[in-house]
Amino acid sequence: MPHSQDVVILASERASFSNFDSFAQPASFATDVIDSVAARIGVLDENDCFIAVNRAWKERSAAQGMPEGYPIGARLHDIIGKTPRRYARLLERGYLAVMEGRRNEFSCAYPVPTRGEDDWFKQSFTRMVGDGPARYIVVIHSVQEIKRAERRLRALNGHLLGARALAAKASRAKSVFLGMMSHEMRTPLNGVLGMAQVMALGELPSGQRRNLDVIQRSGRVLLGLLTDLLELSRLEAGDVALEDGVIDTGHVADHARACCQDLLEGKDVVVNVSVTQDAAGPWTGDEKAVRQVLQALLSNAAKFTEQGEIDVRLNYLNQCLVLRVQDTGIGIPVAKLDAIFESCVQADGSTTRRHDGSGLGLAICRNLVALMGGEIEVESIVQVGTVFTVTIPTRLAPLPSAEPSRTLQASRDRT
């Protein structure tokens, strides 16, 4: 009779049940409980012989054509010998360790070959604690459903890994394609903008000059879009390498101020840029990448802030350079906060028509910050404003060595 339930058995020395039928109340209740268990349970004496088994074991033995009363009087070694050889050796070593007192318990799962799918069982062997002669409990129960679930899980994991590899391959192919196309489109566009600049140097009627200005502005917007596409594709393809240089926070702050002047032209917005004393540096890292991240955050703040202020603050905290950009713009709904770092996403679809931009800037920010080993976070309240915080791990850059100067001075003294 097949059984498929897993069981945990707790035993004591007084429950040796060498004769189940002779148990008196309340011991008879324990006997009934053990007999109702689907697992096979047996008790062995100090000579490795069975002295009692439960009903499940008796029924299993009868179904296998064993003589009545089996396996009472039989040795555990006889049962082990019927398991596959490699598992039989493992079981025998485990049982011997328990009987010699080197272990308190031992368990092992093993297959039993059948015509179809192998049946899996688990044997547990435990030494009963207490006074008197040594007693051991052996429990055998089916783990077939567990093994089937493991096989299904392995198959599912294999499918998921395959799908993940295909997705990564497709993503890389997309990035390579975008990078190639944006690069190929930049070349003729630069030619158009170059010729437009040449034409602007000549004498033109006012109407034609206005038309030329439209061409130049539109061309610069398209060039910026292609540049962002190329940068994002290179980041996603893993083709961007950071420079092992020095970050001068003073230069970064000056760059931020210069960006704001161009981005906020014609807007009633005040910009505050500050660097705390702790962030004076210099710091190790890629200053160009830091500038690019800050410029993208400022561009985003300027785009969605019509009036009020933008506050840019650089400080150093917990071995990280911290960039904080806060604005008083339209804000971002909470439900959209996680999506704004995805490519070509803005907080609201309607803002695409009211505000320029491709939605690539924050995606580039996220990838650059991750490449530098940092993190980017955003907090926002609709119609109040937004705060972006970037943390970049860094350390103080070593001061330039004075040795070359001393060598140069010594050379001058000799001459």
Protein backbone atom coordinates (compact mmCIF):
# COMPACT_ATOMS: atom_id res chain seq x y z
CA MET A 1 0.00 0.00 0.00
CA PRO A 2 1.68 3.28 -1.05
CA HIS A 3 1.93 6.10 1.46
CA SER A 4 2.98 9.71 0.68
CA GLN A 5 2.71 11.68 3.92
CA ASP A 6 5.70 13.16 5.72
CA VAL A 7 5.82 12.60 9.45
CA VAL A 8 7.84 13.88 12.36
CA ILE A 9 8.10 11.27 15.14
CA LEU A 10 8.95 12.06 18.77
CA ALA A 11 9.87 9.02 20.86
CA SER A 12 10.83 8.29 24.48
CA GLU A 13 12.38 5.29 26.19
CA ARG A 14 9.10 4.38 27.88
CA ALA A 15 7.44 4.08 24.46
CA SER A 16 9.43 1.03 23.36
CA PHE A 17 6.06 -0.66 22.54
CA SER A 18 7.57 -4.19 22.17
CA ASN A 19 4.01 -5.43 22.24
CA PHE A 20 1.50 -2.88 20.90
CA ASP A 21 -1.58 -4.89 21.88
CA SER A 22 -0.59 -5.09 25.58
CA PHE A 23 -0.45 -1.28 26.07
CA ALA A 24 -2.77 -0.03 28.79
CA GLN A 25 -4.42 3.38 28.90
CA PRO A 26 -3.17 5.97 28.22
CA ALA A 27 -0.30 4.17 26.42
CA SER A 28 -2.86 2.52 24.11
CA PHE A 29 -3.77 5.97 22.79
CA ALA A 30 -0.13 6.52 21.75
CA THR A 31 -0.19 3.13 20.06
CA ASP A 32 -3.31 4.06 18.11
CA VAL A 33 -1.71 7.32 17.04
CA ILE A 34 1.47 5.59 15.84
CA ASP A 35 -0.56 2.95 13.99
CA SER A 36 -2.52 5.68 12.20
CA VAL A 37 0.66 7.22 10.80
CA ALA A 38 1.30 6.61 7.09
CA ALA A 39 5.05 6.31 7.60
CA ARG A 40 6.62 2.98 8.51
CA ILE A 41 7.93 3.04 12.08
CA GLY A 42 9.98 0.32 13.73
CA VAL A 43 11.90 -0.21 16.97
CA LEU A 44 15.24 -2.07 17.10
CA ASP A 45 17.11 -3.49 20.05
CA GLU A 46 20.80 -3.26 20.83
CA ASN A 47 21.47 -6.17 18.47
CA ASP A 48 20.05 -4.33 15.44
CA CYS A 49 16.93 -6.53 15.40
CA PHE A 50 13.32 -5.35 15.01
CA ILE A 51 11.22 -5.82 18.13
CA ALA A 52 8.17 -3.81 17.07
CA VAL A 53 6.66 -2.14 13.98
CA ASN A 54 3.51 -0.13 13.37
CA ARG A 55 0.54 -1.05 11.18
CA ALA A 56 1.90 0.75 8.09
CA TRP A 57 5.01 -1.42 8.14
CA LYS A 58 2.98 -4.61 8.53
CA GLU A 59 0.70 -3.66 5.61
CA ARG A 60 3.67 -2.76 3.41
CA SER A 61 5.35 -6.10 4.20
CA ALA A 62 2.15 -8.02 3.41
CA ALA A 63 1.75 -6.20 0.09
CA GLN A 64 5.32 -7.21 -0.80
CA GLY A 65 4.55 -10.87 -0.06
CA MET A 66 6.59 -11.05 3.13
CA PRO A 67 5.72 -13.69 5.77
CA GLU A 68 3.35 -12.70 8.57
CA GLY A 69 5.08 -10.85 11.38
CA TYR A 70 7.88 -9.55 9.17
CA PRO A 71 10.20 -7.77 9.95
CA ILE A 72 10.03 -8.71 13.66
CA GLY A 73 13.30 -10.52 14.48
CA ALA A 74 14.93 -9.41 11.22
CA ARG A 75 18.01 -7.21 11.23
CA LEU A 76 18.04 -3.70 9.84
CA HIS A 77 20.94 -4.73 7.60
CA ASP A 78 18.51 -6.97 5.66
CA ILE A 79 16.41 -3.93 4.74
CA ILE A 80 19.40 -1.78 3.87
CA GLY A 81 20.59 -4.43 1.46
CA LYS A 82 17.46 -3.92 -0.67
CA THR A 83 18.22 -0.27 -1.39
CA PRO A 84 20.46 0.91 -4.27
CA ARG A 85 24.13 0.10 -3.54
CA ARG A 86 25.47 3.66 -3.24
CA TYR A 87 22.67 4.59 -0.84
CA ALA A 88 22.96 1.31 1.08
CA ARG A 89 26.56 2.11 1.95
CA LEU A 90 25.61 5.61 3.06
CA LEU A 91 22.74 4.31 5.20
CA GLU A 92 24.92 1.64 6.78
CA ARG A 93 27.62 4.16 7.73
CA GLY A 94 24.98 6.49 9.20
CA TYR A 95 23.28 3.76 11.22
CA LEU A 96 26.64 2.54 12.52
CA ALA A 97 27.53 6.07 13.67
CA VAL A 98 24.27 6.28 15.66
CA MET A 99 24.63 2.82 17.21
CA GLU A 100 28.24 3.57 18.22
CA GLY A 101 27.15 6.82 19.87
CA ARG A 102 28.98 9.11 17.44
CA ARG A 103 25.70 10.62 16.31
CA ASN A 104 22.24 10.97 17.85
CA GLU A 105 20.36 10.65 14.59
CA PHE A 106 20.82 10.10 10.88
CA SER A 107 18.59 10.44 7.81
CA CYS A 108 18.97 9.89 4.09
CA ALA A 109 16.69 10.03 1.02
CA TYR A 110 17.10 7.40 -1.68
CA PRO A 111 15.28 6.14 -4.80
CA VAL A 112 13.74 2.71 -5.28
CA PRO A 113 13.77 1.74 -8.98
CA THR A 114 10.39 0.84 -10.51
CA ARG A 115 9.17 0.20 -14.02
CA GLY A 116 8.19 3.83 -14.41
CA GLU A 117 9.25 6.74 -12.24
CA ASP A 118 11.55 5.90 -9.31
CA ASP A 119 9.91 5.99 -5.87
CA TRP A 120 11.79 8.17 -3.38
CA PHE A 121 11.86 7.40 0.33
CA LYS A 122 13.56 8.88 3.36
CA GLN A 123 14.92 6.78 6.22
CA SER A 124 15.58 8.28 9.64
CA PHE A 125 17.41 6.46 12.42
CA THR A 126 17.33 7.80 15.99
CA ARG A 127 18.73 6.56 19.30
CA MET A 128 16.11 6.68 22.06
CA VAL A 129 17.27 8.56 25.14
CA GLY A 130 16.76 6.99 28.57
CA ASP A 131 17.84 4.29 31.01
CA GLY A 132 17.79 0.61 30.25
CA PRO A 133 18.85 -1.29 27.15
CA ALA A 134 19.59 0.59 23.97
CA ARG A 135 16.66 1.11 21.63
CA TYR A 136 16.58 2.67 18.20
CA ILE A 137 13.72 3.98 16.07
CA VAL A 138 13.73 3.76 12.29
CA VAL A 139 11.18 5.73 10.25
CA ILE A 140 10.66 5.28 6.51
CA HIS A 141 8.31 7.59 4.61
CA SER A 142 7.72 8.62 1.03
CA VAL A 143 9.19 11.89 -0.28
CA GLN A 144 8.02 11.28 -3.84
CA GLU A 145 5.92 14.46 -4.02
CA ILE A 146 8.81 16.53 -2.70
CA LYS A 147 11.12 15.12 -5.37
CA ARG A 148 8.53 15.80 -8.06
CA ALA A 149 8.21 19.38 -6.84
CA GLU A 150 12.01 19.73 -6.90
CA ARG A 151 12.13 18.50 -10.50
CA ARG A 152 9.39 20.90 -11.52
CA LEU A 153 11.22 23.74 -9.77
CA ARG A 154 14.51 22.87 -11.50
CA ALA A 155 12.75 22.77 -14.85
CA LEU A 156 11.08 26.11 -14.16
CA ASN A 157 14.40 27.64 -13.10
CA GLY A 158 15.96 26.36 -16.31
CA HIS A 159 13.21 27.99 -18.38
CA LEU A 160 13.57 31.24 -16.44
CA LEU A 161 17.34 31.29 -16.89
CA GLY A 162 16.91 30.65 -20.59
CA ALA A 163 14.34 33.44 -20.89
CA ARG A 164 16.60 35.76 -18.94
CA ALA A 165 19.52 35.01 -21.24
CA LEU A 166 17.35 35.66 -24.30
CA ALA A 167 16.09 38.94 -22.81
CA ALA A 168 19.65 40.05 -22.03
CA LYS A 169 20.72 39.16 -25.58
CA ALA A 170 17.78 41.09 -27.05
CA SER A 171 18.48 44.08 -24.82
CA ARG A 172 22.12 44.14 -25.87
CA ALA A 173 21.15 43.86 -29.54
CA LYS A 174 18.77 46.77 -29.07
CA SER A 175 21.47 48.83 -27.38
CA VAL A 176 23.97 48.07 -30.15
CA PHE A 177 21.42 48.99 -32.82
CA LEU A 178 20.47 52.28 -31.12
CA GLY A 179 24.12 53.16 -30.61
CA MET A 180 24.96 52.47 -34.24
CA MET A 181 21.95 54.36 -35.63
CA SER A 182 22.38 57.36 -33.35
CA HIS A 183 26.05 57.55 -34.29
CA GLU A 184 25.26 57.32 -38.01
CA MET A 185 22.57 60.00 -37.70
CA ARG A 186 24.79 62.38 -35.78
CA THR A 187 27.27 62.66 -38.65
CA PRO A 188 24.89 64.17 -41.26
CA LEU A 189 23.15 66.22 -38.56
CA ASN A 190 26.44 67.79 -37.55
CA GLY A 191 26.92 68.65 -41.23
CA VAL A 192 23.52 70.35 -41.34
CA LEU A 193 24.22 72.35 -38.17
CA GLY A 194 27.67 73.29 -39.43
CA MET A 195 26.30 74.66 -42.69
CA ALA A 196 23.56 76.50 -40.76
CA GLN A 197 26.24 78.21 -38.66
CA VAL A 198 28.10 79.19 -41.83
CA MET A 199 24.91 80.64 -43.31
CA ALA A 200 24.27 82.59 -40.10
CA LEU A 201 27.57 84.43 -40.60
CA GLY A 202 26.37 85.91 -43.88
CA GLU A 203 23.86 88.64 -44.69
CA LEU A 204 20.30 87.30 -44.62
CA PRO A 205 16.87 88.91 -44.77
CA SER A 206 15.09 88.93 -41.39
CA GLY A 207 12.59 86.26 -42.47
CA GLN A 208 15.28 83.86 -43.61
CA ARG A 209 17.28 84.46 -40.42
CA ARG A 210 14.24 83.53 -38.32
CA ASN A 211 13.85 80.36 -40.36
CA LEU A 212 17.55 79.61 -39.93
CA ASP A 213 17.23 80.07 -36.16
CA VAL A 214 14.42 77.50 -36.13
CA ILE A 215 16.63 75.07 -38.05
CA GLN A 216 19.50 75.56 -35.60
CA ARG A 217 17.32 75.18 -32.47
CA SER A 218 15.59 72.11 -33.85
CA GLY A 219 18.91 70.63 -34.91
CA ARG A 220 20.42 71.14 -31.45
CA VAL A 221 17.40 69.45 -29.84
CA LEU A 222 17.71 66.50 -32.22
CA LEU A 223 21.47 66.33 -31.64
CA GLY A 224 20.86 66.25 -27.87
CA LEU A 225 18.35 63.43 -28.30
CA LEU A 226 20.77 61.40 -30.41
CA THR A 227 23.55 62.04 -27.88
CA ASP A 228 21.30 60.75 -25.07
CA LEU A 229 20.35 57.69 -27.10
CA LEU A 230 24.00 56.94 -27.81
CA GLU A 231 24.97 57.39 -24.16
CA LEU A 232 22.13 55.22 -22.86
CA SER A 233 22.83 52.47 -25.38
CA ARG A 234 26.51 52.46 -24.43
CA LEU A 235 25.64 52.29 -20.72
CA GLU A 236 23.18 49.43 -21.20
CA ALA A 237 25.66 47.56 -23.38
CA GLY A 238 28.38 47.95 -20.76
CA ASP A 239 30.62 49.93 -23.07
CA VAL A 240 31.19 52.88 -20.72
CA ALA A 241 34.33 52.90 -18.57
CA LEU A 242 34.85 55.35 -15.72
CA GLU A 243 37.98 57.45 -15.52
CA ASP A 244 40.15 56.99 -12.46
CA GLY A 245 40.62 60.69 -11.79
CA VAL A 246 39.89 63.40 -9.26
CA ILE A 247 36.56 65.08 -8.47
CA ASP A 248 36.86 68.78 -7.71
CA THR A 249 33.54 69.76 -6.11
CA GLY A 250 34.30 73.43 -6.75
CA HIS A 251 34.48 72.75 -10.49
CA VAL A 252 31.30 70.67 -10.27
CA ALA A 253 29.50 73.55 -8.53
CA ASP A 254 30.69 76.05 -11.17
CA HIS A 255 29.47 73.72 -13.91
CA ALA A 256 26.07 73.50 -12.18
CA ARG A 257 25.76 77.30 -12.05
CA ALA A 258 26.64 77.61 -15.74
CA CYS A 259 24.07 74.97 -16.68
CA CYS A 260 21.34 76.73 -14.74
CA GLN A 261 21.88 80.02 -16.56
CA ASP A 262 21.15 78.38 -19.91
CA LEU A 263 18.35 76.10 -18.72
CA LEU A 264 16.37 78.74 -16.80
CA GLU A 265 16.60 81.61 -19.25
CA GLY A 266 13.33 83.58 -19.12
CA LYS A 267 12.00 81.81 -15.97
CA ASP A 268 11.35 83.34 -12.56
CA VAL A 269 13.47 80.77 -10.75
CA VAL A 270 16.27 81.40 -8.24
CA VAL A 271 19.16 78.90 -8.15
CA ASN A 272 21.25 78.23 -5.05
CA VAL A 273 24.41 76.13 -5.37
CA SER A 274 26.44 75.30 -2.26
CA VAL A 275 29.31 73.01 -1.28
CA THR A 276 29.75 72.17 2.40
CA GLN A 277 33.18 72.33 3.98
CA ASP A 278 33.20 68.54 4.44
CA ALA A 279 32.73 68.09 0.67
CA ALA A 280 35.61 70.36 -0.37
CA GLY A 281 37.73 67.37 -1.37
CA PRO A 282 39.35 66.63 -3.74
CA TRP A 283 37.85 63.15 -4.12
CA THR A 284 38.71 60.10 -6.18
CA GLY A 285 36.39 59.35 -9.08
CA ASP A 286 35.19 60.42 -12.52
CA GLU A 287 34.37 64.13 -12.41
CA LYS A 288 32.90 64.06 -15.92
CA ALA A 289 30.37 61.40 -14.88
CA VAL A 290 29.44 63.38 -11.75
CA ARG A 291 28.93 66.50 -13.84
CA GLN A 292 26.77 64.57 -16.28
CA VAL A 293 24.55 63.25 -13.48
CA LEU A 294 24.18 66.69 -11.92
CA GLN A 295 23.46 68.32 -15.27
CA ALA A 296 20.70 65.78 -16.01
CA LEU A 297 19.10 66.39 -12.60
CA LEU A 298 19.29 70.17 -13.10
CA SER A 299 17.81 69.85 -16.59
CA ASN A 300 14.93 67.84 -15.13
CA ALA A 301 14.39 70.38 -12.34
CA ALA A 302 14.51 73.36 -14.71
CA LYS A 303 12.10 71.69 -17.14
CA PHE A 304 9.34 71.23 -14.58
CA THR A 305 9.88 74.36 -12.43
CA GLU A 306 8.22 77.53 -13.71
CA GLN A 307 8.81 79.66 -10.61
CA GLY A 308 10.33 79.41 -7.15
CA GLU A 309 13.79 78.03 -6.60
CA ILE A 310 16.18 75.17 -7.27
CA ASP A 311 18.60 74.28 -4.50
CA VAL A 312 21.78 72.33 -5.31
CA ARG A 313 23.85 71.08 -2.40
CA LEU A 314 27.02 68.99 -2.31
CA ASN A 315 28.17 67.43 0.95
CA TYR A 316 30.11 64.39 2.22
CA LEU A 317 28.47 61.83 4.49
CA ASN A 318 29.32 58.23 5.45
CA GLN A 319 32.23 58.01 2.98
CA CYS A 320 29.98 59.16 0.14
CA LEU A 321 29.77 62.33 -1.92
CA VAL A 322 26.12 63.40 -1.73
CA LEU A 323 24.45 65.48 -4.47
CA ARG A 324 21.06 66.91 -3.55
CA VAL A 325 18.85 68.74 -6.06
CA GLN A 326 15.59 70.18 -4.74
CA ASP A 327 13.04 72.15 -6.77
CA THR A 328 9.65 73.77 -6.31
CA GLY A 329 8.21 72.35 -9.52
CA ILE A 330 5.05 70.43 -10.34
CA GLY A 331 6.11 67.33 -8.41
CA ILE A 332 5.66 63.64 -9.21
CA PRO A 333 2.73 61.41 -8.14
CA VAL A 334 3.76 58.67 -5.72
CA ALA A 335 2.53 55.98 -8.11
CA LYS A 336 4.95 57.23 -10.78
CA LEU A 337 8.12 57.53 -8.67
CA ASP A 338 9.47 54.07 -9.48
CA ALA A 339 8.87 54.47 -13.22
CA ILE A 340 10.63 57.79 -13.82
CA PHE A 341 14.05 56.12 -14.01
CA GLU A 342 12.93 53.96 -16.93
CA SER A 343 13.79 54.93 -20.50
CA CYS A 344 11.42 57.30 -22.32
CA VAL A 345 9.18 57.75 -19.26
CA GLN A 346 7.85 60.99 -17.80
CA ALA A 347 5.70 61.33 -14.71
CA ASP A 348 2.56 62.04 -16.72
CA GLY A 349 1.85 61.35 -20.36
CA SER A 350 0.28 64.79 -20.73
CA THR A 351 3.54 66.49 -19.76
CA THR A 352 5.13 65.14 -22.92
CA ARG A 353 3.22 67.75 -24.88
CA ARG A 354 3.84 70.59 -22.40
CA HIS A 355 7.52 69.96 -21.71
CA ASP A 356 10.33 69.09 -24.09
CA GLY A 357 12.44 66.02 -23.50
CA SER A 358 12.69 62.36 -24.36
CA GLY A 359 12.63 60.94 -20.84
CA LEU A 360 16.15 59.55 -21.21
CA GLY A 361 17.97 61.84 -18.77
CA LEU A 362 16.97 60.10 -15.55
CA ALA A 363 17.58 56.67 -17.11
CA ILE A 364 21.12 57.80 -17.96
CA CYS A 365 21.47 59.13 -14.39
CA ARG A 366 20.45 55.82 -12.87
CA ASN A 367 22.88 53.85 -15.03
CA LEU A 368 25.79 56.24 -14.43
CA VAL A 369 25.22 56.30 -10.68
CA ALA A 370 25.03 52.49 -10.60
CA LEU A 371 28.25 52.33 -12.62
CA MET A 372 29.93 54.49 -9.95
CA GLY A 373 28.64 52.14 -7.24
CA GLY A 374 26.20 54.69 -5.88
CA GLU A 375 22.46 55.09 -5.38
CA ILE A 376 19.84 57.61 -6.50
CA GLU A 377 16.63 58.32 -4.58
CA VAL A 378 13.68 60.60 -5.20
CA GLU A 379 11.05 62.17 -2.95
CA SER A 380 8.22 64.29 -4.30
CA ILE A 381 4.94 65.98 -3.44
CA VAL A 382 2.62 67.08 -6.24
CA GLN A 383 2.52 70.87 -6.65
CA VAL A 384 5.15 71.25 -3.91
CA GLY A 385 8.36 69.98 -5.45
CA THR A 386 10.85 67.17 -5.87
CA VAL A 387 14.13 66.17 -4.22
CA PHE A 388 16.72 63.94 -5.92
CA THR A 389 19.54 62.59 -3.75
CA VAL A 390 22.59 60.88 -5.23
CA THR A 391 25.21 59.13 -3.07
CA ILE A 392 28.53 58.17 -4.66
CA PRO A 393 31.14 56.21 -2.66
CA THR A 394 34.50 57.97 -2.75
CA ARG A 395 37.51 58.86 -0.65
CA LEU A 396 39.97 61.72 -0.40
CA ALA A 397 42.31 61.86 -3.36
CA PRO A 398 46.04 61.76 -2.51
CA LEU A 399 47.79 65.12 -2.68
CA PRO A 400 50.20 65.61 -5.60
CA SER A 401 53.73 64.58 -4.71
CA ALA A 402 56.18 67.42 -4.17
CA GLU A 403 59.14 65.28 -5.32
CA PRO A 404 59.06 66.42 -8.98
CA SER A 405 59.24 70.08 -7.86
CA ARG A 406 62.25 69.43 -5.63
CA THR A 407 63.99 67.56 -8.48
CA LEU A 408 63.34 70.44 -10.86
CA GLN A 409 64.70 72.97 -8.34
CA ALA A 410 67.83 70.90 -7.82
CA SER A 411 68.38 70.80 -11.58
CA ARG A 412 68.09 74.57 -11.75
CA ASP A 413 70.58 75.00 -8.91
CA ARG A 414 73.14 72.88 -10.79
CA THR A 415 72.78 75.04 -13.86
